[in-house]
């Protein structure tokens, strides 16, 4: 048999060593997700918790089966499948049927990660791949929203889940899409998360707690969320002024939908985002522009998921054109001086 070996790739110094293992890093990411997950359970009840459990179960089961079928080491212990399933659940409706949640976790792992070779080799954010497939496959179920009535209210009606009310519960994003600014809930409700929407996307406070923790622990670079949110703020201010929506329109745009969760937890994915500092700023700028284009002129009220997936495609090109000069070289090609 022909002896095939992988080439050893060496990069230029300096090198940086991290004391974190993948498993340790994933544990801290899971910890950062807890505030948003807890807020989702509090506002939407035990159904939200069940959606999280089934998404994680689908992710774990599909990763195990894929690794065994490909005769590769099973990598469940690194925690990446759990994070994928949890992040997917946070951007799903709380009233979603549990079997669809399980399928979403499987889609995220199989199509979003394992077909590319596993962790570290995927080109798209796996959680958003799973969400995009579910939106295309089950559009009715993926746009059925439960009102945020609190865990106690939901617990008292567990025998008859509030699926009828969910079909008439409009999210802030849907109201802004139709121009019904006078029907928007109070800004305080939007900030704390007492509005209709996806499980982990409604509470700005909870998401900020987790996002700032990731930045503090250096798992996330501040450049992507800052550039992303800043771009959306500027563009929505201009658009809102032209449309006469009032001064609060940009604040509602920032606080509603999946923007906050996407900016801190999805767009900053280590594998699918740029590695250069300039590239991360460009990445965030592109995300903001695409999100606003979809929200303002597209057929969807929300644009975060698709903007992130589209920018994932451009990540290699962004890294290529924003890389620094090789130490000891001159010019962009890094030729010896």
C-alpha atoms as a PDB file:
ATOM      1  CA  UNK A   1       0.000   0.000   0.000  1.00  0.00           C
ATOM      2  CA  UNK A   2       1.091   3.520  -0.721  1.00  0.00           C
ATOM      3  CA  UNK A   3       2.350   5.340   2.351  1.00  0.00           C
ATOM      4  CA  UNK A   4       0.364   8.577   2.617  1.00  0.00           C
ATOM      5  CA  UNK A   5       1.365  11.054   5.300  1.00  0.00           C
ATOM      6  CA  UNK A   6      -0.022  14.457   6.109  1.00  0.00           C
ATOM      7  CA  UNK A   7       2.384  17.362   5.573  1.00  0.00           C
ATOM      8  CA  UNK A   8       3.700  19.155   8.653  1.00  0.00           C
ATOM      9  CA  UNK A   9       2.685  22.802   8.430  1.00  0.00           C
ATOM     10  CA  UNK A  10       4.779  25.295  10.357  1.00  0.00           C
ATOM     11  CA  UNK A  11       3.744  28.914  10.853  1.00  0.00           C
ATOM     12  CA  UNK A  12       6.011  31.825  11.638  1.00  0.00           C
ATOM     13  CA  UNK A  13       6.740  32.837  15.207  1.00  0.00           C
ATOM     14  CA  UNK A  14       5.714  34.043  17.688  1.00  0.00           C
ATOM     15  CA  UNK A  15       3.527  31.187  18.878  1.00  0.00           C
ATOM     16  CA  UNK A  16       0.955  31.446  21.637  1.00  0.00           C
ATOM     17  CA  UNK A  17       0.199  28.597  23.997  1.00  0.00           C
ATOM     18  CA  UNK A  18      -3.159  28.411  25.697  1.00  0.00           C
ATOM     19  CA  UNK A  19      -3.691  26.537  28.935  1.00  0.00           C
ATOM     20  CA  UNK A  20      -7.283  25.787  27.925  1.00  0.00           C
ATOM     21  CA  UNK A  21      -8.261  22.454  26.477  1.00  0.00           C
ATOM     22  CA  UNK A  22     -11.236  22.177  24.147  1.00  0.00           C
ATOM     23  CA  UNK A  23     -13.242  20.523  26.901  1.00  0.00           C
ATOM     24  CA  UNK A  24     -12.484  23.313  29.384  1.00  0.00           C
ATOM     25  CA  UNK A  25     -13.361  25.995  26.866  1.00  0.00           C
ATOM     26  CA  UNK A  26     -16.655  24.309  26.011  1.00  0.00           C
ATOM     27  CA  UNK A  27     -17.575  24.150  29.694  1.00  0.00           C
ATOM     28  CA  UNK A  28     -17.134  27.888  30.000  1.00  0.00           C
ATOM     29  CA  UNK A  29     -19.179  28.509  26.860  1.00  0.00           C
ATOM     30  CA  UNK A  30     -21.933  26.342  28.338  1.00  0.00           C
ATOM     31  CA  UNK A  31     -21.718  28.385  31.524  1.00  0.00           C
ATOM     32  CA  UNK A  32     -22.091  31.577  29.491  1.00  0.00           C
ATOM     33  CA  UNK A  33     -25.243  30.144  27.879  1.00  0.00           C
ATOM     34  CA  UNK A  34     -26.906  29.462  31.216  1.00  0.00           C
ATOM     35  CA  UNK A  35     -28.366  32.959  31.804  1.00  0.00           C
ATOM     36  CA  UNK A  36     -30.115  32.975  28.416  1.00  0.00           C
ATOM     37  CA  UNK A  37     -31.253  29.376  28.867  1.00  0.00           C
ATOM     38  CA  UNK A  38     -32.583  30.100  32.370  1.00  0.00           C
ATOM     39  CA  UNK A  39     -34.436  33.181  31.122  1.00  0.00           C
ATOM     40  CA  UNK A  40     -35.998  31.112  28.347  1.00  0.00           C
ATOM     41  CA  UNK A  41     -37.204  28.487  30.818  1.00  0.00           C
ATOM     42  CA  UNK A  42     -38.536  31.170  33.160  1.00  0.00           C
ATOM     43  CA  UNK A  43     -40.526  33.005  30.486  1.00  0.00           C
ATOM     44  CA  UNK A  44     -41.647  30.067  28.340  1.00  0.00           C
ATOM     45  CA  UNK A  45     -41.920  27.242  30.844  1.00  0.00           C
ATOM     46  CA  UNK A  46     -40.832  23.623  30.904  1.00  0.00           C
ATOM     47  CA  UNK A  47     -41.483  23.183  27.184  1.00  0.00           C
ATOM     48  CA  UNK A  48     -38.409  25.338  26.537  1.00  0.00           C
ATOM     49  CA  UNK A  49     -36.315  23.045  28.727  1.00  0.00           C
ATOM     50  CA  UNK A  50     -37.570  20.001  26.841  1.00  0.00           C
ATOM     51  CA  UNK A  51     -36.632  21.606  23.510  1.00  0.00           C
ATOM     52  CA  UNK A  52     -33.093  22.146  24.843  1.00  0.00           C
ATOM     53  CA  UNK A  53     -32.824  18.553  26.037  1.00  0.00           C
ATOM     54  CA  UNK A  54     -34.023  17.115  22.719  1.00  0.00           C
ATOM     55  CA  UNK A  55     -31.706  19.358  20.671  1.00  0.00           C
ATOM     56  CA  UNK A  56     -28.726  18.265  22.746  1.00  0.00           C
ATOM     57  CA  UNK A  57     -29.821  14.621  22.545  1.00  0.00           C
ATOM     58  CA  UNK A  58     -30.085  14.838  18.759  1.00  0.00           C
ATOM     59  CA  UNK A  59     -26.646  16.409  18.535  1.00  0.00           C
ATOM     60  CA  UNK A  60     -25.011  13.815  20.788  1.00  0.00           C
ATOM     61  CA  UNK A  61     -26.674  10.832  19.114  1.00  0.00           C
ATOM     62  CA  UNK A  62     -25.840  11.977  15.586  1.00  0.00           C
ATOM     63  CA  UNK A  63     -22.222  12.773  16.451  1.00  0.00           C
ATOM     64  CA  UNK A  64     -21.751   9.362  18.022  1.00  0.00           C
ATOM     65  CA  UNK A  65     -23.251   7.567  15.031  1.00  0.00           C
ATOM     66  CA  UNK A  66     -21.307   9.648  12.505  1.00  0.00           C
ATOM     67  CA  UNK A  67     -17.975   9.078  14.187  1.00  0.00           C
ATOM     68  CA  UNK A  68     -18.601   5.330  14.439  1.00  0.00           C
ATOM     69  CA  UNK A  69     -19.734   5.087  10.802  1.00  0.00           C
ATOM     70  CA  UNK A  70     -16.619   6.978   9.643  1.00  0.00           C
ATOM     71  CA  UNK A  71     -14.367   4.794  11.853  1.00  0.00           C
ATOM     72  CA  UNK A  72     -13.075   7.868  13.655  1.00  0.00           C
ATOM     73  CA  UNK A  73     -12.600   8.426  17.394  1.00  0.00           C
ATOM     74  CA  UNK A  74     -15.799   9.378  19.191  1.00  0.00           C
ATOM     75  CA  UNK A  75     -15.441  12.977  20.356  1.00  0.00           C
ATOM     76  CA  UNK A  76     -18.431  13.392  22.661  1.00  0.00           C
ATOM     77  CA  UNK A  77     -16.211  14.208  25.634  1.00  0.00           C
ATOM     78  CA  UNK A  78     -14.979  17.491  24.140  1.00  0.00           C
ATOM     79  CA  UNK A  79     -18.427  19.031  24.710  1.00  0.00           C
ATOM     80  CA  UNK A  80     -18.760  20.590  21.268  1.00  0.00           C
ATOM     81  CA  UNK A  81     -21.900  18.598  20.413  1.00  0.00           C
ATOM     82  CA  UNK A  82     -23.568  19.737  23.642  1.00  0.00           C
ATOM     83  CA  UNK A  83     -22.781  23.376  22.835  1.00  0.00           C
ATOM     84  CA  UNK A  84     -24.095  22.986  19.287  1.00  0.00           C
ATOM     85  CA  UNK A  85     -27.351  21.485  20.523  1.00  0.00           C
ATOM     86  CA  UNK A  86     -27.769  24.112  23.233  1.00  0.00           C
ATOM     87  CA  UNK A  87     -27.077  27.052  20.921  1.00  0.00           C
ATOM     88  CA  UNK A  88     -29.508  25.642  18.379  1.00  0.00           C
ATOM     89  CA  UNK A  89     -32.203  25.309  21.047  1.00  0.00           C
ATOM     90  CA  UNK A  90     -31.709  28.933  22.111  1.00  0.00           C
ATOM     91  CA  UNK A  91     -32.670  30.125  18.622  1.00  0.00           C
ATOM     92  CA  UNK A  92     -35.767  27.918  18.278  1.00  0.00           C
ATOM     93  CA  UNK A  93     -39.407  28.671  19.156  1.00  0.00           C
ATOM     94  CA  UNK A  94     -40.416  27.321  22.587  1.00  0.00           C
ATOM     95  CA  UNK A  95     -43.545  25.667  21.163  1.00  0.00           C
ATOM     96  CA  UNK A  96     -41.572  23.623  18.627  1.00  0.00           C
ATOM     97  CA  UNK A  97     -42.548  19.925  18.578  1.00  0.00           C
ATOM     98  CA  UNK A  98     -39.900  17.904  20.359  1.00  0.00           C
ATOM     99  CA  UNK A  99     -39.260  15.516  17.473  1.00  0.00           C
ATOM    100  CA  UNK A 100     -38.392  18.494  15.264  1.00  0.00           C
ATOM    101  CA  UNK A 101     -35.992  19.745  17.936  1.00  0.00           C
ATOM    102  CA  UNK A 102     -34.270  16.342  17.911  1.00  0.00           C
ATOM    103  CA  UNK A 103     -33.988  16.467  14.118  1.00  0.00           C
ATOM    104  CA  UNK A 104     -32.547  19.974  14.331  1.00  0.00           C
ATOM    105  CA  UNK A 105     -29.760  18.787  16.607  1.00  0.00           C
ATOM    106  CA  UNK A 106     -28.999  15.931  14.193  1.00  0.00           C
ATOM    107  CA  UNK A 107     -28.982  18.255  11.160  1.00  0.00           C
ATOM    108  CA  UNK A 108     -26.653  20.687  12.935  1.00  0.00           C
ATOM    109  CA  UNK A 109     -24.084  17.981  13.645  1.00  0.00           C
ATOM    110  CA  UNK A 110     -24.300  15.851  10.512  1.00  0.00           C
ATOM    111  CA  UNK A 111     -24.665  18.553   7.858  1.00  0.00           C
ATOM    112  CA  UNK A 112     -23.119  21.435   9.771  1.00  0.00           C
ATOM    113  CA  UNK A 113     -20.021  19.688  11.105  1.00  0.00           C
ATOM    114  CA  UNK A 114     -19.377  16.011  10.423  1.00  0.00           C
ATOM    115  CA  UNK A 115     -19.639  16.147   6.625  1.00  0.00           C
ATOM    116  CA  UNK A 116     -16.686  18.534   6.718  1.00  0.00           C
ATOM    117  CA  UNK A 117     -14.605  16.216   8.886  1.00  0.00           C
ATOM    118  CA  UNK A 118     -15.621  17.169  12.406  1.00  0.00           C
ATOM    119  CA  UNK A 119     -14.745  19.856  14.924  1.00  0.00           C
ATOM    120  CA  UNK A 120     -12.443  22.552  13.575  1.00  0.00           C
ATOM    121  CA  UNK A 121     -13.055  21.772   9.906  1.00  0.00           C
ATOM    122  CA  UNK A 122     -16.614  23.017   9.348  1.00  0.00           C
ATOM    123  CA  UNK A 123     -17.056  26.170   7.272  1.00  0.00           C
ATOM    124  CA  UNK A 124     -20.524  27.109   8.549  1.00  0.00           C
ATOM    125  CA  UNK A 125     -21.839  27.687  12.038  1.00  0.00           C
ATOM    126  CA  UNK A 126     -23.407  24.284  12.841  1.00  0.00           C
ATOM    127  CA  UNK A 127     -26.213  25.616  15.048  1.00  0.00           C
ATOM    128  CA  UNK A 128     -27.369  28.042  12.378  1.00  0.00           C
ATOM    129  CA  UNK A 129     -27.138  25.351   9.710  1.00  0.00           C
ATOM    130  CA  UNK A 130     -29.561  23.322  11.805  1.00  0.00           C
ATOM    131  CA  UNK A 131     -31.866  26.300  12.227  1.00  0.00           C
ATOM    132  CA  UNK A 132     -31.813  27.166   8.517  1.00  0.00           C
ATOM    133  CA  UNK A 133     -32.753  23.595   7.583  1.00  0.00           C
ATOM    134  CA  UNK A 134     -35.615  23.596  10.077  1.00  0.00           C
ATOM    135  CA  UNK A 135     -36.943  26.910   8.770  1.00  0.00           C
ATOM    136  CA  UNK A 136     -36.934  25.542   5.220  1.00  0.00           C
ATOM    137  CA  UNK A 137     -38.452  22.198   6.231  1.00  0.00           C
ATOM    138  CA  UNK A 138     -40.988  23.235   8.879  1.00  0.00           C
ATOM    139  CA  UNK A 139     -41.860  26.909   8.248  1.00  0.00           C
ATOM    140  CA  UNK A 140     -45.149  26.846  10.173  1.00  0.00           C
ATOM    141  CA  UNK A 141     -43.726  25.268  13.302  1.00  0.00           C
ATOM    142  CA  UNK A 142     -40.660  27.518  13.151  1.00  0.00           C
ATOM    143  CA  UNK A 143     -42.807  30.659  13.094  1.00  0.00           C
ATOM    144  CA  UNK A 144     -45.250  29.669  15.835  1.00  0.00           C
ATOM    145  CA  UNK A 145     -44.540  31.837  18.852  1.00  0.00           C
ATOM    146  CA  UNK A 146     -45.580  31.318  22.449  1.00  0.00           C
ATOM    147  CA  UNK A 147     -46.332  34.352  24.623  1.00  0.00           C
ATOM    148  CA  UNK A 148     -43.874  34.938  27.459  1.00  0.00           C
ATOM    149  CA  UNK A 149     -46.136  34.284  30.427  1.00  0.00           C
ATOM    150  CA  UNK A 150     -43.661  32.899  32.917  1.00  0.00           C
ATOM    151  CA  UNK A 151     -42.897  29.432  34.219  1.00  0.00           C
ATOM    152  CA  UNK A 152     -45.631  29.421  36.834  1.00  0.00           C
ATOM    153  CA  UNK A 153     -48.303  30.389  34.318  1.00  0.00           C
ATOM    154  CA  UNK A 154     -47.155  27.676  31.929  1.00  0.00           C
ATOM    155  CA  UNK A 155     -46.885  25.113  34.684  1.00  0.00           C
ATOM    156  CA  UNK A 156     -50.519  25.666  35.583  1.00  0.00           C
ATOM    157  CA  UNK A 157     -51.571  24.875  32.011  1.00  0.00           C
ATOM    158  CA  UNK A 158     -49.277  21.950  31.234  1.00  0.00           C
ATOM    159  CA  UNK A 159     -52.268  19.763  30.418  1.00  0.00           C
ATOM    160  CA  UNK A 160     -53.241  22.092  27.557  1.00  0.00           C
ATOM    161  CA  UNK A 161     -50.151  23.824  26.163  1.00  0.00           C
ATOM    162  CA  UNK A 162     -50.679  27.347  24.879  1.00  0.00           C
ATOM    163  CA  UNK A 163     -50.282  26.449  21.211  1.00  0.00           C
ATOM    164  CA  UNK A 164     -53.404  28.362  20.152  1.00  0.00           C
ATOM    165  CA  UNK A 165     -52.193  31.551  21.789  1.00  0.00           C
ATOM    166  CA  UNK A 166     -48.791  31.022  20.205  1.00  0.00           C
ATOM    167  CA  UNK A 167     -50.139  31.430  16.692  1.00  0.00           C
ATOM    168  CA  UNK A 168     -51.446  34.917  17.536  1.00  0.00           C
ATOM    169  CA  UNK A 169     -48.467  36.132  19.554  1.00  0.00           C
ATOM    170  CA  UNK A 170     -46.519  38.607  17.428  1.00  0.00           C
ATOM    171  CA  UNK A 171     -42.840  39.144  18.105  1.00  0.00           C
ATOM    172  CA  UNK A 172     -41.302  42.641  18.184  1.00  0.00           C
ATOM    173  CA  UNK A 173     -39.471  41.849  14.940  1.00  0.00           C
ATOM    174  CA  UNK A 174     -42.727  40.952  13.181  1.00  0.00           C
ATOM    175  CA  UNK A 175     -44.348  44.167  14.392  1.00  0.00           C
ATOM    176  CA  UNK A 176     -41.451  46.300  13.167  1.00  0.00           C
ATOM    177  CA  UNK A 177     -41.452  44.488   9.831  1.00  0.00           C
ATOM    178  CA  UNK A 178     -45.060  45.557   9.261  1.00  0.00           C
ATOM    179  CA  UNK A 179     -44.445  49.076  10.565  1.00  0.00           C
ATOM    180  CA  UNK A 180     -46.726  48.607  13.582  1.00  0.00           C
ATOM    181  CA  UNK A 181     -44.506  50.634  15.886  1.00  0.00           C
ATOM    182  CA  UNK A 182     -47.425  51.689  18.085  1.00  0.00           C
ATOM    183  CA  UNK A 183     -48.053  48.034  19.009  1.00  0.00           C
ATOM    184  CA  UNK A 184     -44.547  47.310  20.267  1.00  0.00           C
ATOM    185  CA  UNK A 185     -44.264  46.213  23.912  1.00  0.00           C
ATOM    186  CA  UNK A 186     -42.564  48.442  26.452  1.00  0.00           C
ATOM    187  CA  UNK A 187     -38.797  48.617  26.035  1.00  0.00           C
ATOM    188  CA  UNK A 188     -38.358  47.274  29.568  1.00  0.00           C
ATOM    189  CA  UNK A 189     -40.208  44.104  28.603  1.00  0.00           C
ATOM    190  CA  UNK A 190     -37.943  43.678  25.580  1.00  0.00           C
ATOM    191  CA  UNK A 191     -34.791  44.166  27.651  1.00  0.00           C
ATOM    192  CA  UNK A 192     -35.709  41.600  30.295  1.00  0.00           C
ATOM    193  CA  UNK A 193     -37.188  39.187  27.745  1.00  0.00           C
ATOM    194  CA  UNK A 194     -40.899  39.190  28.527  1.00  0.00           C
ATOM    195  CA  UNK A 195     -41.869  39.090  24.850  1.00  0.00           C
ATOM    196  CA  UNK A 196     -42.568  36.449  22.245  1.00  0.00           C
ATOM    197  CA  UNK A 197     -39.604  34.995  20.397  1.00  0.00           C
ATOM    198  CA  UNK A 198     -37.048  32.217  20.420  1.00  0.00           C
ATOM    199  CA  UNK A 199     -36.081  30.551  23.687  1.00  0.00           C
ATOM    200  CA  UNK A 200     -32.759  32.259  24.296  1.00  0.00           C
ATOM    201  CA  UNK A 201     -33.058  35.374  22.160  1.00  0.00           C
ATOM    202  CA  UNK A 202     -35.514  37.516  24.096  1.00  0.00           C
ATOM    203  CA  UNK A 203     -33.636  38.551  27.261  1.00  0.00           C
ATOM    204  CA  UNK A 204     -30.988  41.154  26.419  1.00  0.00           C
ATOM    205  CA  UNK A 205     -29.758  41.220  30.008  1.00  0.00           C
ATOM    206  CA  UNK A 206     -29.180  37.460  30.125  1.00  0.00           C
ATOM    207  CA  UNK A 207     -27.378  37.426  26.779  1.00  0.00           C
ATOM    208  CA  UNK A 208     -25.131  40.333  27.768  1.00  0.00           C
ATOM    209  CA  UNK A 209     -24.164  38.581  30.989  1.00  0.00           C
ATOM    210  CA  UNK A 210     -23.043  35.516  29.062  1.00  0.00           C
ATOM    211  CA  UNK A 211     -21.423  37.491  26.247  1.00  0.00           C
ATOM    212  CA  UNK A 212     -19.405  39.720  28.562  1.00  0.00           C
ATOM    213  CA  UNK A 213     -18.268  36.632  30.466  1.00  0.00           C
ATOM    214  CA  UNK A 214     -16.934  35.127  27.232  1.00  0.00           C
ATOM    215  CA  UNK A 215     -15.095  38.346  26.413  1.00  0.00           C
ATOM    216  CA  UNK A 216     -13.658  38.520  29.936  1.00  0.00           C
ATOM    217  CA  UNK A 217     -12.434  34.930  29.666  1.00  0.00           C
ATOM    218  CA  UNK A 218     -10.982  35.730  26.217  1.00  0.00           C
ATOM    219  CA  UNK A 219     -13.041  33.098  24.447  1.00  0.00           C
ATOM    220  CA  UNK A 220     -14.579  35.861  22.323  1.00  0.00           C
ATOM    221  CA  UNK A 221     -12.944  38.865  20.691  1.00  0.00           C
ATOM    222  CA  UNK A 222     -14.839  42.107  21.322  1.00  0.00           C
ATOM    223  CA  UNK A 223     -14.292  43.252  17.737  1.00  0.00           C
ATOM    224  CA  UNK A 224     -16.951  41.087  16.084  1.00  0.00           C
ATOM    225  CA  UNK A 225     -19.907  41.920  18.382  1.00  0.00           C
ATOM    226  CA  UNK A 226     -18.871  45.582  18.565  1.00  0.00           C
ATOM    227  CA  UNK A 227     -18.593  45.980  14.792  1.00  0.00           C
ATOM    228  CA  UNK A 228     -21.774  43.967  14.248  1.00  0.00           C
ATOM    229  CA  UNK A 229     -23.949  45.839  16.740  1.00  0.00           C
ATOM    230  CA  UNK A 230     -22.405  49.199  15.851  1.00  0.00           C
ATOM    231  CA  UNK A 231     -23.170  48.737  12.159  1.00  0.00           C
ATOM    232  CA  UNK A 232     -26.764  47.756  12.902  1.00  0.00           C
ATOM    233  CA  UNK A 233     -27.137  50.758  15.203  1.00  0.00           C
ATOM    234  CA  UNK A 234     -25.970  53.195  12.534  1.00  0.00           C
ATOM    235  CA  UNK A 235     -28.010  51.697   9.691  1.00  0.00           C
ATOM    236  CA  UNK A 236     -31.209  51.340  11.719  1.00  0.00           C
ATOM    237  CA  UNK A 237     -30.867  54.919  12.932  1.00  0.00           C
ATOM    238  CA  UNK A 238     -30.668  56.146   9.344  1.00  0.00           C
ATOM    239  CA  UNK A 239     -33.481  53.880   8.165  1.00  0.00           C
ATOM    240  CA  UNK A 240     -35.696  54.727  11.125  1.00  0.00           C
ATOM    241  CA  UNK A 241     -35.187  58.439  10.565  1.00  0.00           C
ATOM    242  CA  UNK A 242     -36.117  58.161   6.895  1.00  0.00           C
ATOM    243  CA  UNK A 243     -39.228  56.124   7.725  1.00  0.00           C
ATOM    244  CA  UNK A 244     -40.174  58.358  10.650  1.00  0.00           C
ATOM    245  CA  UNK A 245     -40.235  55.470  13.138  1.00  0.00           C
ATOM    246  CA  UNK A 246     -38.892  57.546  16.010  1.00  0.00           C
ATOM    247  CA  UNK A 247     -35.726  57.616  18.078  1.00  0.00           C
ATOM    248  CA  UNK A 248     -36.412  54.307  19.824  1.00  0.00           C
ATOM    249  CA  UNK A 249     -36.479  52.301  16.600  1.00  0.00           C
ATOM    250  CA  UNK A 250     -32.709  51.495  16.604  1.00  0.00           C
ATOM    251  CA  UNK A 251     -32.891  50.393  20.246  1.00  0.00           C
ATOM    252  CA  UNK A 252     -35.740  48.006  19.488  1.00  0.00           C
ATOM    253  CA  UNK A 253     -33.829  46.648  16.484  1.00  0.00           C
ATOM    254  CA  UNK A 254     -30.768  45.971  18.629  1.00  0.00           C
ATOM    255  CA  UNK A 255     -32.775  44.393  21.444  1.00  0.00           C
ATOM    256  CA  UNK A 256     -35.131  42.230  19.391  1.00  0.00           C
ATOM    257  CA  UNK A 257     -34.766  39.021  17.455  1.00  0.00           C
ATOM    258  CA  UNK A 258     -31.572  37.015  17.367  1.00  0.00           C
ATOM    259  CA  UNK A 259     -29.166  39.931  17.018  1.00  0.00           C
ATOM    260  CA  UNK A 260     -27.699  39.912  20.537  1.00  0.00           C
ATOM    261  CA  UNK A 261     -27.403  36.125  20.707  1.00  0.00           C
ATOM    262  CA  UNK A 262     -25.942  36.036  17.210  1.00  0.00           C
ATOM    263  CA  UNK A 263     -23.424  38.801  17.889  1.00  0.00           C
ATOM    264  CA  UNK A 264     -21.953  37.229  21.032  1.00  0.00           C
ATOM    265  CA  UNK A 265     -22.468  33.489  20.585  1.00  0.00           C
ATOM    266  CA  UNK A 266     -22.886  32.671  16.877  1.00  0.00           C
ATOM    267  CA  UNK A 267     -20.827  35.167  14.897  1.00  0.00           C
ATOM    268  CA  UNK A 268     -17.861  34.666  17.239  1.00  0.00           C
ATOM    269  CA  UNK A 269     -17.605  30.930  16.590  1.00  0.00           C
ATOM    270  CA  UNK A 270     -13.894  30.092  16.685  1.00  0.00           C
ATOM    271  CA  UNK A 271     -13.900  27.937  13.567  1.00  0.00           C
ATOM    272  CA  UNK A 272     -16.070  29.975  11.202  1.00  0.00           C
ATOM    273  CA  UNK A 273     -14.980  33.543  12.022  1.00  0.00           C
ATOM    274  CA  UNK A 274     -11.785  35.348  10.901  1.00  0.00           C
ATOM    275  CA  UNK A 275      -8.592  34.987  12.909  1.00  0.00           C
ATOM    276  CA  UNK A 276      -7.129  38.414  12.150  1.00  0.00           C
ATOM    277  CA  UNK A 277      -8.094  41.515  14.118  1.00  0.00           C
ATOM    278  CA  UNK A 278      -8.859  43.568  11.025  1.00  0.00           C
ATOM    279  CA  UNK A 279     -10.728  40.638   9.560  1.00  0.00           C
ATOM    280  CA  UNK A 280     -13.005  40.440  12.584  1.00  0.00           C
ATOM    281  CA  UNK A 281     -13.939  44.093  12.186  1.00  0.00           C
ATOM    282  CA  UNK A 282     -14.672  43.530   8.488  1.00  0.00           C
ATOM    283  CA  UNK A 283     -16.640  40.409   9.391  1.00  0.00           C
ATOM    284  CA  UNK A 284     -18.779  42.325  11.893  1.00  0.00           C
ATOM    285  CA  UNK A 285     -19.343  45.137   9.412  1.00  0.00           C
ATOM    286  CA  UNK A 286     -20.522  42.685   6.760  1.00  0.00           C
ATOM    287  CA  UNK A 287     -22.823  40.973   9.242  1.00  0.00           C
ATOM    288  CA  UNK A 288     -24.445  44.270  10.167  1.00  0.00           C
ATOM    289  CA  UNK A 289     -25.005  45.273   6.549  1.00  0.00           C
ATOM    290  CA  UNK A 290     -26.490  41.913   5.551  1.00  0.00           C
ATOM    291  CA  UNK A 291     -28.719  41.737   8.614  1.00  0.00           C
ATOM    292  CA  UNK A 292     -30.147  45.198   7.940  1.00  0.00           C
ATOM    293  CA  UNK A 293     -30.660  44.490   4.246  1.00  0.00           C
ATOM    294  CA  UNK A 294     -32.662  41.368   5.075  1.00  0.00           C
ATOM    295  CA  UNK A 295     -34.631  43.078   7.828  1.00  0.00           C
ATOM    296  CA  UNK A 296     -35.421  46.203   5.792  1.00  0.00           C
ATOM    297  CA  UNK A 297     -35.957  44.831   2.293  1.00  0.00           C
ATOM    298  CA  UNK A 298     -36.185  41.035   2.539  1.00  0.00           C
ATOM    299  CA  UNK A 299     -39.196  38.851   3.017  1.00  0.00           C
ATOM    300  CA  UNK A 300     -38.071  37.765   6.487  1.00  0.00           C
ATOM    301  CA  UNK A 301     -38.452  39.756   9.681  1.00  0.00           C
ATOM    302  CA  UNK A 302     -35.146  38.374  10.947  1.00  0.00           C
ATOM    303  CA  UNK A 303     -31.803  38.247   9.154  1.00  0.00           C
ATOM    304  CA  UNK A 304     -29.194  37.191  11.695  1.00  0.00           C
ATOM    305  CA  UNK A 305     -29.019  33.482  10.844  1.00  0.00           C
ATOM    306  CA  UNK A 306     -28.581  33.934   7.107  1.00  0.00           C
ATOM    307  CA  UNK A 307     -26.204  36.874   7.435  1.00  0.00           C
ATOM    308  CA  UNK A 308     -23.877  34.772   9.596  1.00  0.00           C
ATOM    309  CA  UNK A 309     -24.004  31.814   7.209  1.00  0.00           C
ATOM    310  CA  UNK A 310     -23.285  34.076   4.223  1.00  0.00           C
ATOM    311  CA  UNK A 311     -20.347  35.744   5.965  1.00  0.00           C
ATOM    312  CA  UNK A 312     -18.989  32.326   6.965  1.00  0.00           C
ATOM    313  CA  UNK A 313     -18.425  31.732   3.247  1.00  0.00           C
ATOM    314  CA  UNK A 314     -16.271  34.855   3.058  1.00  0.00           C
ATOM    315  CA  UNK A 315     -14.178  34.111   6.148  1.00  0.00           C
ATOM    316  CA  UNK A 316     -11.210  32.539   4.265  1.00  0.00           C
ATOM    317  CA  UNK A 317     -11.091  35.472   1.846  1.00  0.00           C
ATOM    318  CA  UNK A 318     -11.285  37.997   4.686  1.00  0.00           C
ATOM    319  CA  UNK A 319      -8.401  36.288   6.463  1.00  0.00           C
ATOM    320  CA  UNK A 320      -6.388  36.239   3.251  1.00  0.00           C
ATOM    321  CA  UNK A 321      -6.687  39.960   2.577  1.00  0.00           C
ATOM    322  CA  UNK A 322      -6.347  41.142   6.173  1.00  0.00           C
ATOM    323  CA  UNK A 323      -3.363  39.061   7.279  1.00  0.00           C
ATOM    324  CA  UNK A 324      -0.379  40.940   8.629  1.00  0.00           C
ATOM    325  CA  UNK A 325       3.126  41.025   7.292  1.00  0.00           C
ATOM    326  CA  UNK A 326       5.284  38.054   8.213  1.00  0.00           C
ATOM    327  CA  UNK A 327       7.810  38.932  10.908  1.00  0.00           C
ATOM    328  CA  UNK A 328      11.182  39.568   9.294  1.00  0.00           C
ATOM    329  CA  UNK A 329       9.677  40.143   5.852  1.00  0.00           C
ATOM    330  CA  UNK A 330       8.838  43.202   3.813  1.00  0.00           C
ATOM    331  CA  UNK A 331       5.744  43.859   1.785  1.00  0.00           C
ATOM    332  CA  UNK A 332       2.475  41.944   1.781  1.00  0.00           C
ATOM    333  CA  UNK A 333       4.141  38.835   0.394  1.00  0.00           C
ATOM    334  CA  UNK A 334       6.487  38.657   3.375  1.00  0.00           C
ATOM    335  CA  UNK A 335       9.606  38.464   1.197  1.00  0.00           C
ATOM    336  CA  UNK A 336      12.899  38.570   3.145  1.00  0.00           C
ATOM    337  CA  UNK A 337      14.272  42.086   3.591  1.00  0.00           C
END
